[in-house]
């Protein structure tokens, strides 16, 4: 039963377990939220602080298991080598229910830190140097955020958090980063996920996750000047993650159907909008550093009841797979459930988040650019999203 719930949390977008868990968690949620002023962060020294560079640290958003209001924010400081857990609750004791229910994306833009809180239906906006609350922007079933010039763009499933073969089309909300108000919206495909901007075009990966097994297969292309969809590109089923290289190629992950159609990686040439598949390259999440695309895949299959895990590097210039195991010396055996990846663009450090069983604290692993483990630390529940910062977190 635990494996079933765990897999559904990932593959069906966390929508089926809240009703099951509600009676058991209500009393604990109420009791732990009564006196937020007593919630304190905890610190762990993980390095000697000797790594220097313009990147001073990073924030990590822990998603938290659905229905528990347990999304939390951690911070790692490169200058001191100290990892601090649960800084949002400590720095914002007056915010009701703290950070909210299921943190789905985290980005820094300008002097603000944006956390997309999926099941609480808002974007939490914080000061990027203090992590203190500025405002919340209401967007239903919000998923991911990206930016260009004055505006932020947030993908939204639009409807309630539930599996529904008749679910409505999703949309992308346009937010003025000066007023922090939604100023426009553009309807796209079903259950839109990540977005990538190239020039004046935005590419939106549509999953159709609520309509399984009839997934969406399209990437919607929005002209940012008119903020209208100008075309839909057929790519693959159940699309999710996106990344772009320096040539304008867009890499898109397909989660497959968890049965007979495996996970895949596709490439869209933004100059022609033509599509190419990268054979036998499953993809749960990815990050680009230089001309290398780092991909991890945790590919669950219901027919075999197995989760196949790979850690691949794809050379973007040479267009070839360099390795399918970028973690060295057997350190991958420590990672139970890879759930997020990020790369420090200066040091080349590789960070892999481990969600473990999705209901207890996870772990974050730091590897050097050669794939050797440098350090690891315990995080909040379901660690997933990292945002690097050039300005260190100010002390309280």
Protein backbone atom coordinates (compact mmCIF):
# COMPACT_ATOMS: atom_id res chain seq x y z
CA UNK A 1 0.00 0.00 0.00
CA UNK A 2 2.82 2.40 0.81
CA UNK A 3 4.45 1.76 -2.56
CA UNK A 4 1.11 2.38 -4.30
CA UNK A 5 0.57 5.68 -2.52
CA UNK A 6 4.18 6.71 -3.07
CA UNK A 7 3.99 6.09 -6.81
CA UNK A 8 0.66 7.85 -7.17
CA UNK A 9 2.14 10.86 -5.40
CA UNK A 10 4.61 11.24 -8.25
CA UNK A 11 2.84 9.87 -11.25
CA UNK A 12 -0.70 11.12 -10.68
CA UNK A 13 0.26 14.50 -9.29
CA UNK A 14 -0.61 13.90 -5.65
CA UNK A 15 -4.35 14.09 -6.16
CA UNK A 16 -5.68 10.84 -4.70
CA UNK A 17 -4.42 10.63 -1.13
CA UNK A 18 -5.70 13.70 0.70
CA UNK A 19 -9.13 12.28 1.46
CA UNK A 20 -7.50 9.13 2.83
CA UNK A 21 -5.12 11.02 5.08
CA UNK A 22 -7.40 13.84 6.27
CA UNK A 23 -8.86 12.20 9.42
CA UNK A 24 -5.44 11.14 10.63
CA UNK A 25 -3.65 14.44 10.04
CA UNK A 26 -6.27 17.03 11.03
CA UNK A 27 -5.54 16.95 14.74
CA UNK A 28 -1.78 17.00 14.24
CA UNK A 29 -1.98 19.92 11.78
CA UNK A 30 -4.10 21.95 14.17
CA UNK A 31 -1.88 21.25 17.14
CA UNK A 32 1.38 22.08 15.37
CA UNK A 33 0.09 25.36 13.88
CA UNK A 34 -1.25 26.95 17.09
CA UNK A 35 1.96 28.65 18.18
CA UNK A 36 4.10 29.34 15.07
CA UNK A 37 6.20 31.83 17.01
CA UNK A 38 7.94 28.92 18.75
CA UNK A 39 9.02 27.20 15.54
CA UNK A 40 12.79 27.50 15.20
CA UNK A 41 15.18 26.64 12.40
CA UNK A 42 17.88 24.01 12.92
CA UNK A 43 21.43 24.17 11.60
CA UNK A 44 23.98 21.60 10.45
CA UNK A 45 27.61 22.25 9.47
CA UNK A 46 28.27 20.29 6.28
CA UNK A 47 31.43 21.91 4.83
CA UNK A 48 34.32 24.08 5.95
CA UNK A 49 33.02 27.05 3.95
CA UNK A 50 36.13 27.14 1.74
CA UNK A 51 34.30 27.24 -1.60
CA UNK A 52 34.32 30.79 -2.96
CA UNK A 53 32.60 32.46 -5.88
CA UNK A 54 29.77 34.82 -6.72
CA UNK A 55 27.17 32.25 -5.68
CA UNK A 56 26.79 32.67 -1.92
CA UNK A 57 24.23 29.99 -1.20
CA UNK A 58 20.96 28.45 -2.24
CA UNK A 59 17.40 28.00 -1.05
CA UNK A 60 15.76 24.58 -1.13
CA UNK A 61 11.99 24.17 -1.25
CA UNK A 62 10.64 21.02 0.37
CA UNK A 63 7.30 20.09 -1.18
CA UNK A 64 5.86 18.34 1.89
CA UNK A 65 3.36 15.51 1.61
CA UNK A 66 -0.01 16.55 0.25
CA UNK A 67 -2.68 17.74 2.66
CA UNK A 68 -0.31 18.43 5.55
CA UNK A 69 0.65 22.10 4.97
CA UNK A 70 4.27 21.03 5.38
CA UNK A 71 6.03 22.84 2.55
CA UNK A 72 9.20 24.29 4.10
CA UNK A 73 12.19 26.37 3.04
CA UNK A 74 15.83 25.54 3.81
CA UNK A 75 18.99 27.53 3.12
CA UNK A 76 22.63 26.56 2.55
CA UNK A 77 25.35 29.18 3.07
CA UNK A 78 28.57 28.62 1.10
CA UNK A 79 30.55 31.08 3.21
CA UNK A 80 29.93 29.29 6.50
CA UNK A 81 29.21 25.80 5.20
CA UNK A 82 26.04 25.72 7.31
CA UNK A 83 22.74 24.20 6.19
CA UNK A 84 19.65 25.65 7.92
CA UNK A 85 16.27 23.91 7.93
CA UNK A 86 12.84 25.55 8.06
CA UNK A 87 13.75 29.22 7.83
CA UNK A 88 10.36 30.45 6.58
CA UNK A 89 8.44 29.53 9.73
CA UNK A 90 11.05 31.16 11.94
CA UNK A 91 11.22 34.36 9.91
CA UNK A 92 7.47 34.66 9.35
CA UNK A 93 5.76 33.66 12.61
CA UNK A 94 2.62 35.58 11.72
CA UNK A 95 1.93 33.78 8.43
CA UNK A 96 -1.01 31.41 8.93
CA UNK A 97 -0.25 27.79 8.01
CA UNK A 98 3.33 28.86 7.27
CA UNK A 99 4.46 28.21 3.68
CA UNK A 100 1.44 26.11 2.69
CA UNK A 101 0.55 22.84 0.99
CA UNK A 102 2.92 21.31 -1.61
CA UNK A 103 5.74 23.56 -2.80
CA UNK A 104 6.09 22.98 -6.54
CA UNK A 105 8.67 25.49 -7.81
CA UNK A 106 11.20 28.02 -6.49
CA UNK A 107 12.90 30.86 -8.36
CA UNK A 108 14.77 34.09 -7.62
CA UNK A 109 14.11 37.09 -9.85
CA UNK A 110 15.49 40.50 -9.00
CA UNK A 111 15.34 40.95 -5.25
CA UNK A 112 12.43 38.59 -4.71
CA UNK A 113 12.11 34.88 -4.02
CA UNK A 114 9.05 33.19 -5.53
CA UNK A 115 7.68 29.87 -4.22
CA UNK A 116 4.84 28.24 -6.15
CA UNK A 117 2.57 26.48 -3.64
CA UNK A 118 0.47 24.11 -5.69
CA UNK A 119 -2.35 22.84 -3.45
CA UNK A 120 -2.63 26.11 -1.51
CA UNK A 121 -3.26 27.84 -4.86
CA UNK A 122 -0.87 30.77 -4.51
CA UNK A 123 2.61 32.05 -5.25
CA UNK A 124 4.40 33.11 -2.08
CA UNK A 125 6.58 36.17 -2.72
CA UNK A 126 9.46 36.79 -0.30
CA UNK A 127 12.41 39.11 0.02
CA UNK A 128 15.34 37.21 -1.51
CA UNK A 129 17.80 38.27 1.22
CA UNK A 130 15.62 37.79 4.28
CA UNK A 131 13.04 35.17 3.18
CA UNK A 132 10.39 37.38 4.75
CA UNK A 133 6.86 37.38 3.38
CA UNK A 134 5.90 40.17 0.98
CA UNK A 135 2.60 38.94 -0.45
CA UNK A 136 0.72 35.97 -1.89
CA UNK A 137 -0.60 35.89 -5.47
CA UNK A 138 -3.68 33.70 -5.86
CA UNK A 139 -3.50 31.30 -8.81
CA UNK A 140 -5.51 28.05 -8.75
CA UNK A 141 -3.56 24.80 -8.88
CA UNK A 142 -0.37 26.65 -9.82
CA UNK A 143 2.64 24.66 -10.99
CA UNK A 144 5.77 26.46 -12.30
CA UNK A 145 7.10 29.98 -12.75
CA UNK A 146 9.41 31.71 -15.24
CA UNK A 147 10.31 35.33 -16.02
CA UNK A 148 11.11 37.79 -18.75
CA UNK A 149 11.73 41.49 -18.28
CA UNK A 150 8.99 42.99 -16.11
CA UNK A 151 6.74 39.93 -16.01
CA UNK A 152 6.46 36.58 -14.28
CA UNK A 153 4.55 33.71 -15.86
CA UNK A 154 2.90 30.92 -13.87
CA UNK A 155 1.37 27.73 -15.26
CA UNK A 156 -1.98 26.73 -13.80
CA UNK A 157 -4.11 23.60 -14.05
CA UNK A 158 -7.04 26.03 -13.63
CA UNK A 159 -9.39 23.48 -12.07
CA UNK A 160 -9.49 21.67 -8.73
CA UNK A 161 -6.86 19.17 -7.60
CA UNK A 162 -8.51 15.97 -8.82
CA UNK A 163 -8.39 13.37 -11.55
CA UNK A 164 -11.08 14.24 -14.07
CA UNK A 165 -11.37 13.05 -17.68
CA UNK A 166 -13.46 16.17 -18.33
CA UNK A 167 -11.01 18.58 -16.71
CA UNK A 168 -10.76 22.04 -18.24
CA UNK A 169 -7.85 23.44 -20.20
CA UNK A 170 -5.10 25.05 -18.17
CA UNK A 171 -3.59 28.48 -18.62
CA UNK A 172 -0.52 30.64 -18.07
CA UNK A 173 -0.97 33.65 -15.79
CA UNK A 174 0.99 36.84 -16.50
CA UNK A 175 2.10 38.77 -13.40
CA UNK A 176 3.49 42.28 -13.20
CA UNK A 177 6.54 41.93 -10.94
CA UNK A 178 6.27 45.59 -9.89
CA UNK A 179 2.67 45.47 -8.69
CA UNK A 180 2.63 41.71 -8.02
CA UNK A 181 -0.79 41.48 -9.64
CA UNK A 182 -2.08 39.12 -12.34
CA UNK A 183 -2.58 41.25 -15.45
CA UNK A 184 -3.45 38.67 -18.12
CA UNK A 185 -3.86 34.97 -18.84
CA UNK A 186 -3.50 32.68 -21.85
CA UNK A 187 -5.32 29.34 -22.20
CA UNK A 188 -3.02 26.48 -23.28
CA UNK A 189 -3.35 22.68 -23.10
CA UNK A 190 -4.43 20.32 -20.34
CA UNK A 191 -2.54 20.50 -17.04
CA UNK A 192 0.42 22.66 -18.17
CA UNK A 193 3.76 22.19 -16.43
CA UNK A 194 7.14 23.85 -17.02
CA UNK A 195 7.73 26.70 -19.46
CA UNK A 196 10.75 27.94 -21.40
CA UNK A 197 11.15 31.34 -23.06
CA UNK A 198 13.24 31.76 -26.21
CA UNK A 199 13.21 35.27 -27.65
CA UNK A 200 9.59 36.42 -27.85
CA UNK A 201 8.15 32.89 -27.67
CA UNK A 202 7.15 30.86 -24.64
CA UNK A 203 6.98 27.08 -24.87
CA UNK A 204 4.60 25.33 -22.44
CA UNK A 205 4.70 21.59 -21.72
CA UNK A 206 1.17 20.20 -21.37
CA UNK A 207 0.81 16.95 -19.42
CA UNK A 208 -2.89 16.09 -19.40
CA UNK A 209 -2.12 14.29 -16.16
CA UNK A 210 -5.68 14.55 -14.84
CA UNK A 211 -7.01 12.91 -18.00
CA UNK A 212 -4.89 9.73 -17.83
CA UNK A 213 -4.64 7.54 -19.83
CA UNK A 214 -5.67 10.16 -22.42
CA UNK A 215 -2.67 12.41 -21.83
CA UNK A 216 -1.97 15.62 -23.67
CA UNK A 217 0.86 15.41 -26.22
CA UNK A 218 1.39 19.07 -27.07
CA UNK A 219 3.75 21.91 -26.36
CA UNK A 220 1.84 25.19 -26.68
CA UNK A 221 3.74 28.14 -28.15
CA UNK A 222 2.75 31.60 -26.91
CA UNK A 223 3.75 34.84 -28.60
CA UNK A 224 4.69 37.06 -25.66
CA UNK A 225 3.89 40.27 -27.53
CA UNK A 226 0.23 39.37 -28.08
CA UNK A 227 0.13 36.80 -25.26
CA UNK A 228 -1.77 34.40 -27.50
CA UNK A 229 -1.09 30.80 -28.51
CA UNK A 230 0.27 30.83 -32.05
CA UNK A 231 0.71 27.07 -32.46
CA UNK A 232 0.71 23.71 -30.73
CA UNK A 233 3.55 21.28 -31.38
CA UNK A 234 2.86 17.55 -31.03
CA UNK A 235 5.72 16.06 -29.01
CA UNK A 236 4.91 13.11 -26.71
CA UNK A 237 2.54 12.06 -23.96
CA UNK A 238 2.48 13.40 -20.41
CA UNK A 239 5.02 16.20 -20.88
CA UNK A 240 6.64 17.77 -17.83
CA UNK A 241 10.12 19.32 -17.60
CA UNK A 242 11.88 21.73 -19.96
CA UNK A 243 15.40 23.14 -20.41
CA UNK A 244 17.15 25.10 -23.17
CA UNK A 245 20.72 25.14 -24.48
CA UNK A 246 22.75 28.00 -25.93
CA UNK A 247 21.69 27.15 -29.48
CA UNK A 248 18.00 27.62 -28.71
CA UNK A 249 17.17 23.93 -28.54
CA UNK A 250 14.49 23.05 -25.99
CA UNK A 251 14.63 19.73 -24.16
CA UNK A 252 11.29 18.32 -23.02
CA UNK A 253 10.66 15.34 -20.77
CA UNK A 254 7.82 12.90 -21.36
CA UNK A 255 6.83 10.78 -18.36
CA UNK A 256 5.20 8.13 -20.54
CA UNK A 257 2.16 6.21 -19.28
CA UNK A 258 3.94 4.01 -16.67
CA UNK A 259 2.89 0.90 -18.61
CA UNK A 260 3.92 0.33 -22.23
CA UNK A 261 5.07 3.81 -23.23
CA UNK A 262 8.35 4.66 -21.49
CA UNK A 263 9.66 8.02 -20.40
CA UNK A 264 11.48 9.91 -23.17
CA UNK A 265 13.44 13.07 -23.87
CA UNK A 266 12.51 15.21 -26.88
CA UNK A 267 14.25 18.19 -28.51
CA UNK A 268 12.44 21.13 -30.11
CA UNK A 269 14.46 23.38 -32.42
CA UNK A 270 13.06 26.82 -31.54
CA UNK A 271 14.16 28.18 -34.92
CA UNK A 272 11.98 25.76 -36.88
CA UNK A 273 9.84 24.21 -34.10
CA UNK A 274 10.73 20.77 -35.46
CA UNK A 275 10.82 17.87 -32.98
CA UNK A 276 13.37 15.12 -32.50
CA UNK A 277 13.39 12.30 -29.94
CA UNK A 278 16.48 11.16 -28.05
CA UNK A 279 16.11 7.35 -28.05
CA UNK A 280 16.42 5.45 -24.78
CA UNK A 281 16.93 8.57 -22.68
CA UNK A 282 14.26 8.51 -19.93
CA UNK A 283 13.84 11.76 -18.07
CA UNK A 284 12.30 12.67 -14.70
CA UNK A 285 14.18 15.96 -14.33
CA UNK A 286 17.20 17.68 -15.85
CA UNK A 287 19.63 20.56 -15.52
CA UNK A 288 22.13 22.11 -17.93
CA UNK A 289 25.68 23.11 -16.99
CA UNK A 290 27.86 24.34 -19.83
CA UNK A 291 27.26 22.04 -22.79
CA UNK A 292 26.17 19.08 -20.66
CA UNK A 293 22.60 18.05 -19.94
CA UNK A 294 22.35 16.15 -16.65
CA UNK A 295 19.30 13.90 -16.44
CA UNK A 296 18.06 11.63 -13.73
CA UNK A 297 15.16 9.27 -14.29
CA UNK A 298 13.15 7.32 -11.75
CA UNK A 299 10.99 5.39 -14.18
CA UNK A 300 8.18 3.44 -12.52
CA UNK A 301 6.44 0.65 -14.47
CA UNK A 302 3.19 -0.87 -13.22
CA UNK A 303 3.68 -4.02 -15.31
CA UNK A 304 6.95 -4.92 -13.62
CA UNK A 305 6.32 -3.05 -10.33
CA UNK A 306 9.85 -1.71 -10.61
CA UNK A 307 11.43 1.71 -10.44
CA UNK A 308 14.40 1.97 -12.83
CA UNK A 309 16.83 4.74 -11.90
CA UNK A 310 19.47 6.28 -14.18
CA UNK A 311 21.81 9.27 -13.96
CA UNK A 312 22.82 10.30 -17.49
CA UNK A 313 24.89 13.05 -19.08
CA UNK A 314 24.09 14.10 -22.64
CA UNK A 315 26.63 16.23 -24.55
CA UNK A 316 24.62 19.03 -26.15
CA UNK A 317 27.23 20.01 -28.74
CA UNK A 318 28.18 16.49 -29.81
CA UNK A 319 24.61 15.21 -29.38
CA UNK A 320 25.53 11.98 -27.65
CA UNK A 321 25.11 10.24 -24.31
CA UNK A 322 28.37 10.53 -22.37
CA UNK A 323 27.40 8.30 -19.44
CA UNK A 324 24.37 6.74 -17.82
CA UNK A 325 25.90 6.84 -14.37
CA UNK A 326 27.37 10.22 -13.46
CA UNK A 327 27.42 9.38 -9.72
CA UNK A 328 30.62 7.57 -8.77
CA UNK A 329 31.94 5.15 -6.19
CA UNK A 330 28.58 3.55 -5.48
CA UNK A 331 27.14 6.69 -3.86
CA UNK A 332 23.93 6.29 -5.88
CA UNK A 333 23.03 3.38 -3.58
CA UNK A 334 22.43 5.89 -0.78
CA UNK A 335 19.71 7.64 -2.80
CA UNK A 336 16.35 5.93 -2.40
CA UNK A 337 14.04 8.18 -4.46
CA UNK A 338 15.72 10.91 -6.56
CA UNK A 339 13.29 13.81 -6.77
CA UNK A 340 15.21 16.91 -7.84
CA UNK A 341 18.44 18.00 -9.51
CA UNK A 342 20.39 21.26 -9.64
CA UNK A 343 23.91 22.24 -10.69
CA UNK A 344 26.02 25.09 -9.38
CA UNK A 345 26.98 26.86 -12.64
CA UNK A 346 30.30 28.03 -11.17
CA UNK A 347 31.64 25.01 -9.28
CA UNK A 348 29.89 22.32 -11.31
CA UNK A 349 28.61 20.73 -8.10
CA UNK A 350 25.70 18.37 -8.64
CA UNK A 351 22.83 18.33 -6.16
CA UNK A 352 20.38 15.44 -5.99
CA UNK A 353 17.35 15.63 -3.71
CA UNK A 354 16.07 12.37 -2.22
CA UNK A 355 12.37 12.19 -1.26
CA UNK A 356 12.83 8.75 0.37
CA UNK A 357 9.29 7.58 1.34
CA UNK A 358 7.57 10.98 0.75
CA UNK A 359 6.31 11.29 4.33
CA UNK A 360 9.49 11.62 6.41
CA UNK A 361 12.45 14.02 6.10
CA UNK A 362 14.44 13.60 2.92
CA UNK A 363 18.09 14.16 2.08
CA UNK A 364 20.18 16.39 -0.16
CA UNK A 365 23.39 15.01 -1.70
CA UNK A 366 26.18 17.20 -3.05
CA UNK A 367 28.60 15.69 -5.58
CA UNK A 368 31.63 17.34 -7.16
CA UNK A 369 31.74 17.76 -10.93
CA UNK A 370 33.32 14.31 -11.29
CA UNK A 371 30.40 12.69 -9.48
CA UNK A 372 32.06 11.97 -6.13
CA UNK A 373 30.05 12.58 -2.99
CA UNK A 374 31.15 15.68 -1.03
CA UNK A 375 28.45 15.87 1.63
CA UNK A 376 24.84 15.10 2.44
CA UNK A 377 22.30 16.56 4.85
CA UNK A 378 18.79 15.87 6.15
CA UNK A 379 16.15 18.19 4.69
CA UNK A 380 12.43 18.70 5.18
CA UNK A 381 9.82 16.37 3.70
CA UNK A 382 10.09 15.78 -0.07
CA UNK A 383 13.00 18.08 -1.04
CA UNK A 384 12.81 19.08 -4.68
CA UNK A 385 13.57 22.63 -5.86
CA UNK A 386 16.79 24.69 -5.54
CA UNK A 387 17.38 28.38 -6.28
CA UNK A 388 20.98 29.65 -6.15
CA UNK A 389 21.61 33.18 -4.91
CA UNK A 390 24.46 35.67 -5.28
CA UNK A 391 23.34 37.51 -2.13
CA UNK A 392 23.61 35.62 1.14
CA UNK A 393 20.67 35.28 3.50
CA UNK A 394 20.77 38.03 6.09
CA UNK A 395 20.84 36.93 9.74
CA UNK A 396 17.83 37.57 11.93
